[in-house]
Amino acid sequence: MEREKRVMLACPPTNMNELLAGTGVPPFVPSVDHSLTSCADCGADMWIGPNQRLVAARAPKATLLLCMACALIEQAKRGGGTVGHLGGGHGRPRLPG
């Protein structure tokens, strides 16, 4: 499938809280159901949630796993788009390590 037609799954990079420092946004805490994966464009480590992982596994040729920064760049190249949420946010948080 052509890249421009693939569904982007934007995942938070592992340095999300550093990027948001000082903005007043609550810290991102991945759940125990999140796992690490890499951005298809820049290779950055990022957290993928269980719903995103399920979608990517069911349709690997129709999805594009990107960190949030690369997803914004891709969205701009496409001339905009629709942002949706796959749900979640109810998992057990990871303990700080």
C-alpha atoms as a PDB file:
ATOM      1  CA  MET A   1       0.000   0.000   0.000  1.00  0.00           C
ATOM      2  CA  GLU A   2       1.233   3.507  -0.798  1.00  0.00           C
ATOM      3  CA  ARG A   3       2.694   5.341   2.191  1.00  0.00           C
ATOM      4  CA  GLU A   4       0.263   8.254   1.792  1.00  0.00           C
ATOM      5  CA  LYS A   5      -2.705   5.900   2.206  1.00  0.00           C
ATOM      6  CA  ARG A   6      -1.410   4.073   5.269  1.00  0.00           C
ATOM      7  CA  VAL A   7      -2.987   4.884   8.633  1.00  0.00           C
ATOM      8  CA  MET A   8      -0.512   6.600  10.950  1.00  0.00           C
ATOM      9  CA  LEU A   9      -0.281   5.266  14.483  1.00  0.00           C
ATOM     10  CA  ALA A  10       1.449   8.016  16.466  1.00  0.00           C
ATOM     11  CA  CYS A  11       3.160   6.727  19.592  1.00  0.00           C
ATOM     12  CA  PRO A  12       4.738   8.721  22.438  1.00  0.00           C
ATOM     13  CA  PRO A  13       8.536   8.706  22.401  1.00  0.00           C
ATOM     14  CA  THR A  14      10.272   7.441  25.531  1.00  0.00           C
ATOM     15  CA  ASN A  15      11.491  11.005  26.219  1.00  0.00           C
ATOM     16  CA  MET A  16       7.933  12.401  26.116  1.00  0.00           C
ATOM     17  CA  ASN A  17       8.120  13.916  29.601  1.00  0.00           C
ATOM     18  CA  GLU A  18      11.397  15.696  28.767  1.00  0.00           C
ATOM     19  CA  LEU A  19       9.773  17.184  25.659  1.00  0.00           C
ATOM     20  CA  LEU A  20       6.772  18.395  27.682  1.00  0.00           C
ATOM     21  CA  ALA A  21       8.763  19.725  30.661  1.00  0.00           C
ATOM     22  CA  GLY A  22       7.535  23.117  31.810  1.00  0.00           C
ATOM     23  CA  THR A  23       4.337  23.045  29.753  1.00  0.00           C
ATOM     24  CA  GLY A  24       2.030  22.113  32.601  1.00  0.00           C
ATOM     25  CA  VAL A  25       0.911  18.949  30.812  1.00  0.00           C
ATOM     26  CA  PRO A  26       0.580  15.996  33.211  1.00  0.00           C
ATOM     27  CA  PRO A  27       3.407  13.475  32.841  1.00  0.00           C
ATOM     28  CA  PHE A  28       2.913  10.554  30.485  1.00  0.00           C
ATOM     29  CA  VAL A  29       3.055   7.232  32.352  1.00  0.00           C
ATOM     30  CA  PRO A  30       2.937   4.143  30.133  1.00  0.00           C
ATOM     31  CA  SER A  31       0.909   1.237  31.490  1.00  0.00           C
ATOM     32  CA  VAL A  32       2.242  -2.255  32.058  1.00  0.00           C
ATOM     33  CA  ASP A  33       0.484  -3.127  28.786  1.00  0.00           C
ATOM     34  CA  HIS A  34       2.666  -0.746  26.754  1.00  0.00           C
ATOM     35  CA  SER A  35       5.782  -2.084  25.064  1.00  0.00           C
ATOM     36  CA  LEU A  36       8.712  -0.514  23.282  1.00  0.00           C
ATOM     37  CA  THR A  37       8.966  -0.245  19.533  1.00  0.00           C
ATOM     38  CA  SER A  38      10.824   1.974  17.052  1.00  0.00           C
ATOM     39  CA  CYS A  39       9.618   4.810  14.846  1.00  0.00           C
ATOM     40  CA  ALA A  40       9.537   3.763  11.188  1.00  0.00           C
ATOM     41  CA  ASP A  41      11.089   7.089  10.129  1.00  0.00           C
ATOM     42  CA  CYS A  42      13.619   8.244  12.738  1.00  0.00           C
ATOM     43  CA  GLY A  43      14.142   5.005  14.673  1.00  0.00           C
ATOM     44  CA  ALA A  44      13.419   6.634  18.054  1.00  0.00           C
ATOM     45  CA  ASP A  45      12.278   4.382  20.866  1.00  0.00           C
ATOM     46  CA  MET A  46       8.586   4.877  21.591  1.00  0.00           C
ATOM     47  CA  TRP A  47       5.802   3.349  23.648  1.00  0.00           C
ATOM     48  CA  ILE A  48       3.099   1.454  21.806  1.00  0.00           C
ATOM     49  CA  GLY A  49      -0.148   0.721  23.595  1.00  0.00           C
ATOM     50  CA  PRO A  50      -2.039  -2.551  23.375  1.00  0.00           C
ATOM     51  CA  ASN A  51      -4.729  -1.168  21.044  1.00  0.00           C
ATOM     52  CA  GLN A  52      -2.166   0.316  18.652  1.00  0.00           C
ATOM     53  CA  ARG A  53      -0.168  -2.925  18.741  1.00  0.00           C
ATOM     54  CA  LEU A  54      -3.306  -4.916  17.886  1.00  0.00           C
ATOM     55  CA  VAL A  55      -4.171  -2.664  14.925  1.00  0.00           C
ATOM     56  CA  ALA A  56      -0.577  -2.783  13.625  1.00  0.00           C
ATOM     57  CA  ALA A  57      -0.478  -6.582  13.931  1.00  0.00           C
ATOM     58  CA  ARG A  58      -3.796  -7.054  12.132  1.00  0.00           C
ATOM     59  CA  ALA A  59      -2.928  -4.731   9.250  1.00  0.00           C
ATOM     60  CA  PRO A  60       0.861  -4.277   9.084  1.00  0.00           C
ATOM     61  CA  LYS A  61       0.866  -3.116   5.445  1.00  0.00           C
ATOM     62  CA  ALA A  62      -1.907  -0.588   6.068  1.00  0.00           C
ATOM     63  CA  THR A  63      -0.379   1.079   9.139  1.00  0.00           C
ATOM     64  CA  LEU A  64       2.635   3.278   9.721  1.00  0.00           C
ATOM     65  CA  LEU A  65       4.141   3.328  13.233  1.00  0.00           C
ATOM     66  CA  LEU A  66       5.589   6.775  13.898  1.00  0.00           C
ATOM     67  CA  CYS A  67       6.702   8.739  16.932  1.00  0.00           C
ATOM     68  CA  MET A  68       4.547  11.775  17.561  1.00  0.00           C
ATOM     69  CA  ALA A  69       7.123  14.170  16.086  1.00  0.00           C
ATOM     70  CA  CYS A  70       7.437  12.206  12.833  1.00  0.00           C
ATOM     71  CA  ALA A  71       3.637  11.792  12.682  1.00  0.00           C
ATOM     72  CA  LEU A  72       3.250  15.579  12.731  1.00  0.00           C
ATOM     73  CA  ILE A  73       5.754  15.893   9.879  1.00  0.00           C
ATOM     74  CA  GLU A  74       3.967  13.178   7.892  1.00  0.00           C
ATOM     75  CA  GLN A  75       0.596  14.811   8.532  1.00  0.00           C
ATOM     76  CA  ALA A  76       1.935  18.135   7.223  1.00  0.00           C
ATOM     77  CA  LYS A  77       3.252  16.399   4.070  1.00  0.00           C
ATOM     78  CA  ARG A  78      -0.208  14.940   3.534  1.00  0.00           C
ATOM     79  CA  GLY A  79      -1.806  18.364   3.879  1.00  0.00           C
ATOM     80  CA  GLY A  80      -3.612  17.614   7.116  1.00  0.00           C
ATOM     81  CA  GLY A  81      -5.735  14.774   8.300  1.00  0.00           C
ATOM     82  CA  THR A  82      -7.983  13.456  11.003  1.00  0.00           C
ATOM     83  CA  VAL A  83      -6.742  12.612  14.478  1.00  0.00           C
ATOM     84  CA  GLY A  84      -8.426   9.784  16.325  1.00  0.00           C
ATOM     85  CA  HIS A  85      -7.838   7.913  19.554  1.00  0.00           C
ATOM     86  CA  LEU A  86      -7.876   4.136  19.871  1.00  0.00           C
ATOM     87  CA  GLY A  87      -8.999   4.259  23.471  1.00  0.00           C
ATOM     88  CA  GLY A  88      -7.033   2.964  26.388  1.00  0.00           C
ATOM     89  CA  GLY A  89      -5.741   5.001  29.270  1.00  0.00           C
ATOM     90  CA  HIS A  90      -7.154   2.605  31.823  1.00  0.00           C
ATOM     91  CA  GLY A  91      -4.177   0.279  32.273  1.00  0.00           C
ATOM     92  CA  ARG A  92      -2.086  -0.137  35.398  1.00  0.00           C
ATOM     93  CA  PRO A  93       0.780   2.410  35.375  1.00  0.00           C
ATOM     94  CA  ARG A  94       4.367   1.236  35.336  1.00  0.00           C
ATOM     95  CA  LEU A  95       6.336   1.888  38.469  1.00  0.00           C
ATOM     96  CA  PRO A  96       9.219   4.366  38.106  1.00  0.00           C
ATOM     97  CA  GLY A  97      12.437   2.469  37.626  1.00  0.00           C
END
